[in-house]
Amino acid sequence: MTRTLQPLRFTGATILRDGEMQRRSLSIAEGRITKGPLPEVDMSGYQILPGIVDLHGDAFERHIAPRPSARFDLSTGLAATDRDAAANGVTTAWLAQAWSWEGGHRSPDQACAMMAALEAYRPRMLTDLRLQIRCETHMVDSAPRLLKAIRRYGVGYVVFNNHLDEALDYAASRPDLIRLWARQAGRPVREHMRLVHQAQARATEVPRHLCKLAEAFDELGVLYGSHDDPDGETRERYSMIGARIAEFPTTRKAAAAARAMGDPVLLGAPNVVRGGSQSGNVAASDLIAQGLCDGLVSDYYYPALTNAVWRLVDHGILTLPRAWALISEKPAEILRLPDRGRLDFGRRADLCVVNAQTRAVEMTISGGRLSYLAGEAAHRFAQRIHLLDMAAE
């Protein structure tokens, strides 16, 4: 395991503390934020912000299979994902792995393989990588296997989603997309649609199935929610069984229903950066402006997290502290991680260091370990460490 940095105090930077940007120093030692007159590193011209907590990202799929027909070893893909996340200021990240009838990289077999690979990779990881299971609602017969895997690997976060309606819509209006979907799963279109109709035939069993899973999740301490709620009624049904996290509601009504019930709402950062949903759903910036968003996630693109913050700031929608909270403090609260998301004494030393002029992430520290270093920050850091080494001699 990579060692934590020696005790250091960063001076000269603007730091997000107590909900505001402050000019003060920040000390770290033994993987925690601390106090004391430690050796200094001058970070003038930089902003030091809490490390990003990303609750949903599937960019890892591109590192495992850059092309549908070109798959690589899972450990190689996880190492690349680790570096990708760190280079974008992410210190804790959930990888959104499907558990679905869709097969291929979204199959239960792939999910179990990912759990095992992540466990094996953990001693080497710099970013705190975790797994979120996206459980297709109509996978009725797979519940025992899912719960066994969750227990075995300690998975702590699940969301329910249903792609059947999307598949049926595509079959009627976009056969080209169905062909692509089937090819990615490695099967003929006819077989793909057979599985769609087979799953749809179990619809009457789904409510009881979800309630049983919800009861098991409560016993195991698993947090759970739903994905792509289309309306308030759907969100209410999920909320009633304990699936309290509303991930990517597709309409304002669904987001407003979640807010009325006290359920946290997660939206995609790429939606903010692009100025709207790539699939034609509600614009995330509008929901944020209306106070209907509790956190932003990378979805499929890690750079979108910081870029979304700057867009919200530049458009006058939120201040920097409030916008950054959407990718740090709020997600940490939602997934009940009291040791991260804020720069307070005793918390994990999770830092995202941004060049104030270029807004580029130039240093990331995760749990006191240096996970990314580049640009002018790298020169300053290396020079200071060299001086410290010389003084020690």
Protein backbone atom coordinates (compact mmCIF):
# COMPACT_ATOMS: atom_id res chain seq x y z
CA MET A 1 0.00 0.00 0.00
CA THR A 2 1.22 3.50 -0.86
CA ARG A 3 2.48 5.37 2.18
CA THR A 4 0.85 8.56 3.38
CA LEU A 5 2.67 11.83 2.90
CA GLN A 6 4.95 13.11 5.62
CA PRO A 7 3.41 15.81 7.83
CA LEU A 8 2.98 19.01 5.83
CA ARG A 9 1.35 22.40 6.10
CA PHE A 10 0.05 24.09 2.96
CA THR A 11 0.25 27.88 3.12
CA GLY A 12 -0.76 30.78 0.87
CA ALA A 13 -3.76 29.04 -0.73
CA THR A 14 -7.45 29.92 -0.59
CA ILE A 15 -9.17 27.10 1.25
CA LEU A 16 -12.82 26.06 1.44
CA ARG A 17 -13.51 25.86 5.18
CA ASP A 18 -16.78 26.27 7.08
CA GLY A 19 -18.76 27.03 3.91
CA GLU A 20 -16.59 29.90 2.67
CA MET A 21 -13.33 30.53 0.86
CA GLN A 22 -10.67 31.54 3.39
CA ARG A 23 -7.01 32.51 3.16
CA ARG A 24 -5.43 30.24 5.75
CA SER A 25 -3.14 27.25 6.10
CA LEU A 26 -4.04 23.56 6.13
CA SER A 27 -2.02 20.80 7.79
CA ILE A 28 -2.07 17.05 7.20
CA ALA A 29 -0.37 14.21 9.06
CA GLU A 30 -0.86 10.44 9.11
CA GLY A 31 -3.68 10.63 6.58
CA ARG A 32 -5.73 13.18 8.53
CA ILE A 33 -6.26 16.93 8.64
CA THR A 34 -4.48 18.19 11.71
CA LYS A 35 -3.00 21.23 13.45
CA GLY A 36 0.53 22.30 14.18
CA PRO A 37 3.61 24.11 12.86
CA LEU A 38 4.63 21.45 10.35
CA PRO A 39 7.05 21.84 7.41
CA GLU A 40 5.44 24.18 4.90
CA VAL A 41 4.68 24.05 1.19
CA ASP A 42 3.77 27.38 -0.43
CA MET A 43 0.56 26.97 -2.46
CA SER A 44 -0.06 30.62 -3.28
CA GLY A 45 -2.24 30.93 -6.37
CA TYR A 46 -4.11 27.73 -5.61
CA GLN A 47 -7.47 26.75 -4.14
CA ILE A 48 -7.58 23.80 -1.77
CA LEU A 49 -10.98 22.13 -1.82
CA PRO A 50 -12.41 18.96 -0.26
CA GLY A 51 -11.74 15.82 -2.27
CA ILE A 52 -14.60 14.93 -4.61
CA VAL A 53 -17.03 12.18 -3.56
CA ASP A 54 -18.56 10.69 -6.71
CA LEU A 55 -21.63 8.52 -6.09
CA HIS A 56 -22.17 7.21 -9.62
CA GLY A 57 -19.78 6.75 -12.52
CA ASP A 58 -19.51 4.26 -15.36
CA ALA A 59 -16.42 5.72 -17.07
CA PHE A 60 -14.64 2.57 -15.87
CA GLU A 61 -16.39 0.67 -18.67
CA ARG A 62 -14.26 2.50 -21.26
CA HIS A 63 -11.08 1.48 -19.45
CA ILE A 64 -12.16 -2.16 -19.41
CA ALA A 65 -13.53 -2.24 -22.97
CA PRO A 66 -12.32 0.75 -25.02
CA ARG A 67 -14.21 -0.83 -27.91
CA PRO A 68 -17.09 -3.31 -27.66
CA SER A 69 -14.94 -6.03 -29.20
CA ALA A 70 -11.72 -5.09 -27.38
CA ARG A 71 -11.86 -6.07 -23.72
CA PHE A 72 -8.96 -5.87 -21.29
CA ASP A 73 -8.19 -7.37 -17.91
CA LEU A 74 -10.33 -5.98 -15.10
CA SER A 75 -7.31 -5.14 -12.93
CA THR A 76 -5.83 -3.07 -15.77
CA GLY A 77 -9.14 -1.25 -16.20
CA LEU A 78 -9.44 -0.54 -12.49
CA ALA A 79 -5.90 0.86 -12.35
CA ALA A 80 -6.70 3.17 -15.26
CA THR A 81 -9.98 4.21 -13.60
CA ASP A 82 -8.08 4.92 -10.38
CA ARG A 83 -5.72 7.29 -12.22
CA ASP A 84 -8.54 8.88 -14.22
CA ALA A 85 -10.52 9.66 -11.08
CA ALA A 86 -7.48 11.02 -9.23
CA ALA A 87 -6.50 13.28 -12.14
CA ASN A 88 -9.92 14.91 -11.82
CA GLY A 89 -9.84 15.51 -8.07
CA VAL A 90 -11.92 12.47 -7.08
CA THR A 91 -10.92 10.85 -3.79
CA THR A 92 -13.91 8.51 -3.26
CA ALA A 93 -15.83 6.98 -6.16
CA TRP A 94 -18.63 4.48 -6.69
CA LEU A 95 -18.38 2.49 -9.91
CA ALA A 96 -21.90 1.95 -11.29
CA GLN A 97 -22.03 -1.73 -12.27
CA ALA A 98 -25.25 -3.11 -13.73
CA TRP A 99 -26.93 -6.35 -12.61
CA SER A 100 -29.18 -6.89 -15.59
CA TRP A 101 -30.88 -9.17 -18.09
CA GLU A 102 -29.01 -7.13 -20.73
CA GLY A 103 -26.00 -9.42 -20.45
CA GLY A 104 -22.44 -8.71 -21.54
CA HIS A 105 -20.77 -6.07 -19.37
CA ARG A 106 -24.09 -5.56 -17.55
CA SER A 107 -24.64 -9.18 -16.55
CA PRO A 108 -24.60 -10.67 -13.04
CA ASP A 109 -21.49 -12.64 -14.05
CA GLN A 110 -19.69 -9.41 -14.91
CA ALA A 111 -20.88 -7.79 -11.68
CA CYS A 112 -19.49 -10.64 -9.59
CA ALA A 113 -16.23 -10.52 -11.52
CA MET A 114 -16.00 -6.77 -10.84
CA MET A 115 -16.58 -7.30 -7.13
CA ALA A 116 -13.77 -9.86 -6.98
CA ALA A 117 -11.43 -7.71 -9.07
CA LEU A 118 -12.08 -4.64 -6.94
CA GLU A 119 -11.36 -6.60 -3.77
CA ALA A 120 -8.08 -7.87 -5.24
CA TYR A 121 -7.08 -4.39 -6.43
CA ARG A 122 -7.90 -2.64 -3.15
CA PRO A 123 -4.39 -2.87 -1.61
CA ARG A 124 -3.02 -0.91 -4.58
CA MET A 125 -5.75 1.70 -5.05
CA LEU A 126 -5.18 5.37 -4.36
CA THR A 127 -8.72 6.59 -4.96
CA ASP A 128 -11.21 4.92 -2.59
CA LEU A 129 -13.06 2.94 -5.28
CA ARG A 130 -16.32 1.24 -4.32
CA LEU A 131 -19.08 -0.54 -6.21
CA GLN A 132 -22.65 0.56 -6.75
CA ILE A 133 -24.99 -2.13 -8.10
CA ARG A 134 -27.59 -0.97 -10.62
CA CYS A 135 -30.17 -3.69 -10.17
CA GLU A 136 -32.70 -4.18 -12.96
CA THR A 137 -36.12 -4.44 -11.33
CA HIS A 138 -37.29 -7.49 -13.31
CA MET A 139 -34.36 -9.75 -12.34
CA VAL A 140 -36.74 -11.66 -10.08
CA ASP A 141 -34.93 -15.00 -9.97
CA SER A 142 -31.50 -13.52 -9.29
CA ALA A 143 -32.24 -12.14 -5.81
CA PRO A 144 -30.50 -14.95 -3.85
CA ARG A 145 -27.35 -14.62 -5.94
CA LEU A 146 -27.37 -10.83 -5.66
CA LEU A 147 -27.72 -10.88 -1.88
CA LYS A 148 -25.01 -13.53 -1.55
CA ALA A 149 -22.61 -11.38 -3.59
CA ILE A 150 -23.47 -8.25 -1.60
CA ARG A 151 -22.74 -10.06 1.65
CA ARG A 152 -19.55 -11.63 0.31
CA TYR A 153 -18.04 -8.39 -0.99
CA GLY A 154 -19.58 -5.83 1.34
CA VAL A 155 -21.40 -3.83 -1.32
CA GLY A 156 -23.12 -0.93 0.42
CA TYR A 157 -25.06 0.90 -2.29
CA VAL A 158 -27.72 -0.30 -4.75
CA VAL A 159 -30.09 1.51 -7.09
CA PHE A 160 -33.08 0.02 -8.88
CA ASN A 161 -33.61 0.75 -12.56
CA ASN A 162 -35.76 -0.56 -15.40
CA HIS A 163 -34.55 -0.52 -19.02
CA LEU A 164 -37.40 -2.60 -20.41
CA ASP A 165 -39.55 0.35 -21.49
CA GLU A 166 -36.55 1.89 -23.20
CA ALA A 167 -35.87 -1.36 -25.07
CA LEU A 168 -39.48 -1.65 -26.21
CA ASP A 169 -39.49 1.98 -27.37
CA TYR A 170 -36.27 1.46 -29.31
CA ALA A 171 -37.62 -1.70 -30.92
CA ALA A 172 -40.59 0.29 -32.25
CA SER A 173 -38.88 3.53 -33.21
CA ARG A 174 -35.09 3.07 -33.30
CA PRO A 175 -34.15 -0.43 -34.54
CA ASP A 176 -30.60 0.79 -35.13
CA LEU A 177 -30.18 1.37 -31.40
CA ILE A 178 -31.57 -2.06 -30.59
CA ARG A 179 -29.06 -3.60 -33.00
CA LEU A 180 -26.24 -1.71 -31.26
CA TRP A 181 -27.53 -2.71 -27.81
CA ALA A 182 -27.71 -6.37 -28.82
CA ARG A 183 -24.25 -6.29 -30.41
CA GLN A 184 -22.73 -4.82 -27.26
CA ALA A 185 -24.30 -7.69 -25.30
CA GLY A 186 -22.91 -10.19 -27.83
CA ARG A 187 -26.22 -11.58 -29.06
CA PRO A 188 -28.58 -11.38 -32.07
CA VAL A 189 -31.39 -8.82 -31.97
CA ARG A 190 -34.02 -11.58 -31.90
CA GLU A 191 -32.43 -13.11 -28.79
CA HIS A 192 -32.13 -9.71 -27.17
CA MET A 193 -35.81 -8.96 -27.66
CA ARG A 194 -36.73 -12.44 -26.46
CA LEU A 195 -35.03 -11.61 -23.15
CA VAL A 196 -36.84 -8.26 -23.03
CA HIS A 197 -40.24 -9.91 -23.40
CA GLN A 198 -39.29 -12.69 -21.00
CA ALA A 199 -38.39 -10.14 -18.33
CA GLN A 200 -41.51 -8.09 -19.03
CA ALA A 201 -43.64 -11.18 -18.43
CA ARG A 202 -42.49 -11.17 -14.77
CA ALA A 203 -43.91 -7.70 -14.13
CA THR A 204 -46.52 -8.85 -11.61
CA GLU A 205 -43.76 -10.38 -9.46
CA VAL A 206 -41.62 -7.24 -9.36
CA PRO A 207 -43.26 -5.34 -6.44
CA ARG A 208 -42.90 -8.27 -4.06
CA HIS A 209 -39.37 -8.93 -5.32
CA LEU A 210 -38.30 -5.34 -4.63
CA CYS A 211 -39.85 -5.36 -1.17
CA LYS A 212 -37.92 -8.51 -0.28
CA LEU A 213 -34.70 -6.96 -1.50
CA ALA A 214 -35.44 -3.77 0.42
CA GLU A 215 -35.98 -5.74 3.62
CA ALA A 216 -32.69 -7.58 3.10
CA PHE A 217 -30.85 -4.34 2.36
CA ASP A 218 -32.14 -2.82 5.59
CA GLU A 219 -30.82 -5.81 7.55
CA LEU A 220 -27.43 -5.57 5.82
CA GLY A 221 -27.12 -1.80 6.19
CA VAL A 222 -27.14 -1.29 2.41
CA LEU A 223 -28.25 2.16 1.20
CA TYR A 224 -30.49 2.06 -1.84
CA GLY A 225 -32.42 4.22 -4.25
CA SER A 226 -33.75 4.33 -7.79
CA HIS A 227 -32.50 5.47 -11.18
CA ASP A 228 -34.32 7.54 -13.84
CA ASP A 229 -37.63 8.08 -12.01
CA PRO A 230 -40.01 9.43 -14.70
CA ASP A 231 -42.65 10.92 -12.39
CA GLY A 232 -43.66 11.63 -8.82
CA GLU A 233 -45.70 8.45 -8.47
CA THR A 234 -42.70 6.28 -9.29
CA ARG A 235 -40.51 8.16 -6.82
CA GLU A 236 -43.18 7.78 -4.13
CA ARG A 237 -43.40 4.02 -4.66
CA TYR A 238 -39.66 3.64 -4.33
CA SER A 239 -39.52 5.91 -1.31
CA MET A 240 -42.22 3.84 0.43
CA ILE A 241 -40.09 0.68 0.31
CA GLY A 242 -36.99 2.52 1.55
CA ALA A 243 -35.27 3.35 -1.76
CA ARG A 244 -34.78 6.94 -0.67
CA ILE A 245 -32.07 8.15 -3.07
CA ALA A 246 -33.43 9.59 -6.34
CA GLU A 247 -30.72 9.20 -8.95
CA PHE A 248 -31.24 11.05 -12.26
CA PRO A 249 -34.98 11.85 -12.06
CA THR A 250 -35.95 12.55 -15.66
CA THR A 251 -38.61 15.20 -14.94
CA ARG A 252 -39.09 18.13 -12.62
CA LYS A 253 -42.13 16.42 -11.09
CA ALA A 254 -40.04 13.43 -10.05
CA ALA A 255 -37.35 15.67 -8.51
CA ALA A 256 -39.96 17.81 -6.73
CA ALA A 257 -41.62 14.69 -5.32
CA ALA A 258 -38.27 13.53 -3.96
CA ARG A 259 -37.69 16.90 -2.33
CA ALA A 260 -41.19 16.85 -0.79
CA MET A 261 -40.46 13.43 0.74
CA GLY A 262 -37.00 14.42 1.96
CA ASP A 263 -35.24 12.08 -0.49
CA PRO A 264 -31.87 13.30 -1.81
CA VAL A 265 -31.68 13.99 -5.55
CA LEU A 266 -28.56 13.17 -7.59
CA LEU A 267 -28.06 14.64 -11.05
CA GLY A 268 -25.43 14.16 -13.74
CA ALA A 269 -22.59 16.66 -13.96
CA PRO A 270 -22.32 16.17 -17.77
CA ASN A 271 -25.92 17.41 -18.03
CA VAL A 272 -24.82 20.67 -16.38
CA VAL A 273 -21.71 21.07 -18.53
CA ARG A 274 -23.51 20.35 -21.80
CA GLY A 275 -26.41 22.63 -20.93
CA GLY A 276 -28.95 19.80 -20.96
CA SER A 277 -29.52 16.07 -20.97
CA GLN A 278 -28.00 14.06 -23.83
CA SER A 279 -31.15 11.91 -23.77
CA GLY A 280 -33.65 14.78 -23.79
CA ASN A 281 -34.58 14.73 -20.09
CA VAL A 282 -34.91 17.72 -17.75
CA ALA A 283 -31.93 20.11 -17.61
CA ALA A 284 -29.92 19.66 -14.41
CA SER A 285 -29.03 23.36 -14.18
CA ASP A 286 -32.72 24.26 -14.04
CA LEU A 287 -33.32 21.83 -11.18
CA ILE A 288 -30.27 23.14 -9.33
CA ALA A 289 -31.49 26.73 -9.70
CA GLN A 290 -34.84 25.62 -8.26
CA GLY A 291 -33.19 23.96 -5.26
CA LEU A 292 -34.04 20.45 -6.45
CA CYS A 293 -30.57 18.91 -6.42
CA ASP A 294 -28.51 17.55 -3.52
CA GLY A 295 -25.51 16.20 -5.38
CA LEU A 296 -23.82 15.90 -8.76
CA VAL A 297 -22.16 12.73 -10.06
CA SER A 298 -19.73 12.05 -12.90
CA ASP A 299 -22.15 9.71 -14.72
CA TYR A 300 -19.88 8.79 -17.64
CA TYR A 301 -17.18 11.51 -17.54
CA TYR A 302 -14.98 12.43 -14.56
CA PRO A 303 -13.89 15.89 -15.86
CA ALA A 304 -17.54 16.97 -15.84
CA LEU A 305 -17.54 17.18 -12.03
CA THR A 306 -15.27 20.22 -11.71
CA ASN A 307 -16.43 21.68 -15.01
CA ALA A 308 -20.03 21.60 -13.75
CA VAL A 309 -19.00 23.54 -10.66
CA TRP A 310 -17.36 26.29 -12.71
CA ARG A 311 -20.35 26.50 -15.02
CA LEU A 312 -22.71 26.94 -12.06
CA VAL A 313 -20.43 29.62 -10.62
CA ASP A 314 -19.91 31.48 -13.92
CA HIS A 315 -23.65 31.53 -14.64
CA GLY A 316 -24.39 32.94 -11.19
CA ILE A 317 -26.49 29.94 -10.16
CA LEU A 318 -24.41 29.07 -7.08
CA THR A 319 -21.39 30.38 -5.22
CA LEU A 320 -18.23 28.27 -5.34
CA PRO A 321 -18.68 26.89 -1.79
CA ARG A 322 -22.28 25.85 -2.50
CA ALA A 323 -21.46 24.43 -5.93
CA TRP A 324 -18.46 22.47 -4.62
CA ALA A 325 -20.60 21.07 -1.80
CA LEU A 326 -22.65 19.29 -4.51
CA ILE A 327 -19.60 17.14 -5.34
CA SER A 328 -18.08 16.80 -1.88
CA GLU A 329 -19.96 17.53 1.34
CA LYS A 330 -23.48 16.63 0.18
CA PRO A 331 -22.59 13.28 -1.45
CA ALA A 332 -20.59 12.32 1.65
CA GLU A 333 -23.65 13.05 3.79
CA ILE A 334 -25.96 11.06 1.49
CA LEU A 335 -23.75 7.95 1.66
CA ARG A 336 -23.08 8.51 5.38
CA LEU A 337 -19.34 9.13 5.25
CA PRO A 338 -18.73 11.43 8.23
CA ASP A 339 -14.94 11.47 7.77
CA ARG A 340 -14.87 13.19 4.36
CA GLY A 341 -16.49 15.87 2.22
CA ARG A 342 -15.23 18.77 4.37
CA LEU A 343 -11.83 20.09 5.40
CA ASP A 344 -12.10 19.81 9.18
CA PHE A 345 -9.66 18.69 11.87
CA GLY A 346 -9.62 14.93 12.30
CA ARG A 347 -11.22 14.12 8.95
CA ARG A 348 -9.51 12.19 6.18
CA ALA A 349 -6.91 14.19 4.31
CA ASP A 350 -8.86 14.23 1.04
CA LEU A 351 -7.83 17.30 -0.95
CA CYS A 352 -8.39 18.61 -4.46
CA VAL A 353 -5.88 21.35 -5.28
CA VAL A 354 -6.89 23.62 -8.17
CA ASN A 355 -4.86 26.25 -10.00
CA ALA A 356 -6.86 29.43 -9.33
CA GLN A 357 -6.01 30.93 -12.71
CA THR A 358 -6.48 27.93 -15.03
CA ARG A 359 -8.98 26.03 -12.84
CA ALA A 360 -7.05 22.84 -13.58
CA VAL A 361 -6.75 20.14 -10.94
CA GLU A 362 -3.01 19.93 -10.27
CA MET A 363 -2.89 17.84 -7.11
CA THR A 364 -5.11 15.26 -5.45
CA ILE A 365 -4.51 13.76 -2.03
CA SER A 366 -6.68 10.82 -1.00
CA GLY A 367 -6.51 9.66 2.59
CA GLY A 368 -3.18 11.44 2.99
CA ARG A 369 -1.69 9.67 -0.05
CA LEU A 370 -0.58 11.60 -3.10
CA SER A 371 -2.73 10.23 -5.93
CA TYR A 372 -2.13 12.91 -8.59
CA LEU A 373 0.39 15.69 -9.11
CA ALA A 374 1.00 17.85 -12.19
CA GLY A 375 1.81 21.33 -13.48
CA GLU A 376 3.29 24.08 -11.35
CA ALA A 377 2.10 22.35 -8.18
CA ALA A 378 4.36 19.42 -9.03
CA HIS A 379 7.40 21.71 -9.34
CA ARG A 380 6.67 23.45 -6.04
CA PHE A 381 5.97 20.21 -4.26
CA ALA A 382 9.08 18.48 -5.59
CA GLN A 383 11.28 21.45 -4.71
CA ARG A 384 9.97 21.60 -1.17
CA ILE A 385 10.35 17.86 -0.61
CA HIS A 386 13.94 18.12 -1.92
CA LEU A 387 14.70 20.87 0.60
CA LEU A 388 13.18 18.84 3.40
CA ASP A 389 15.26 15.82 2.43
CA MET A 390 18.41 17.95 2.39
CA ALA A 391 17.59 19.36 5.83
CA ALA A 392 17.07 15.85 7.15
CA GLU A 393 20.53 14.85 5.97
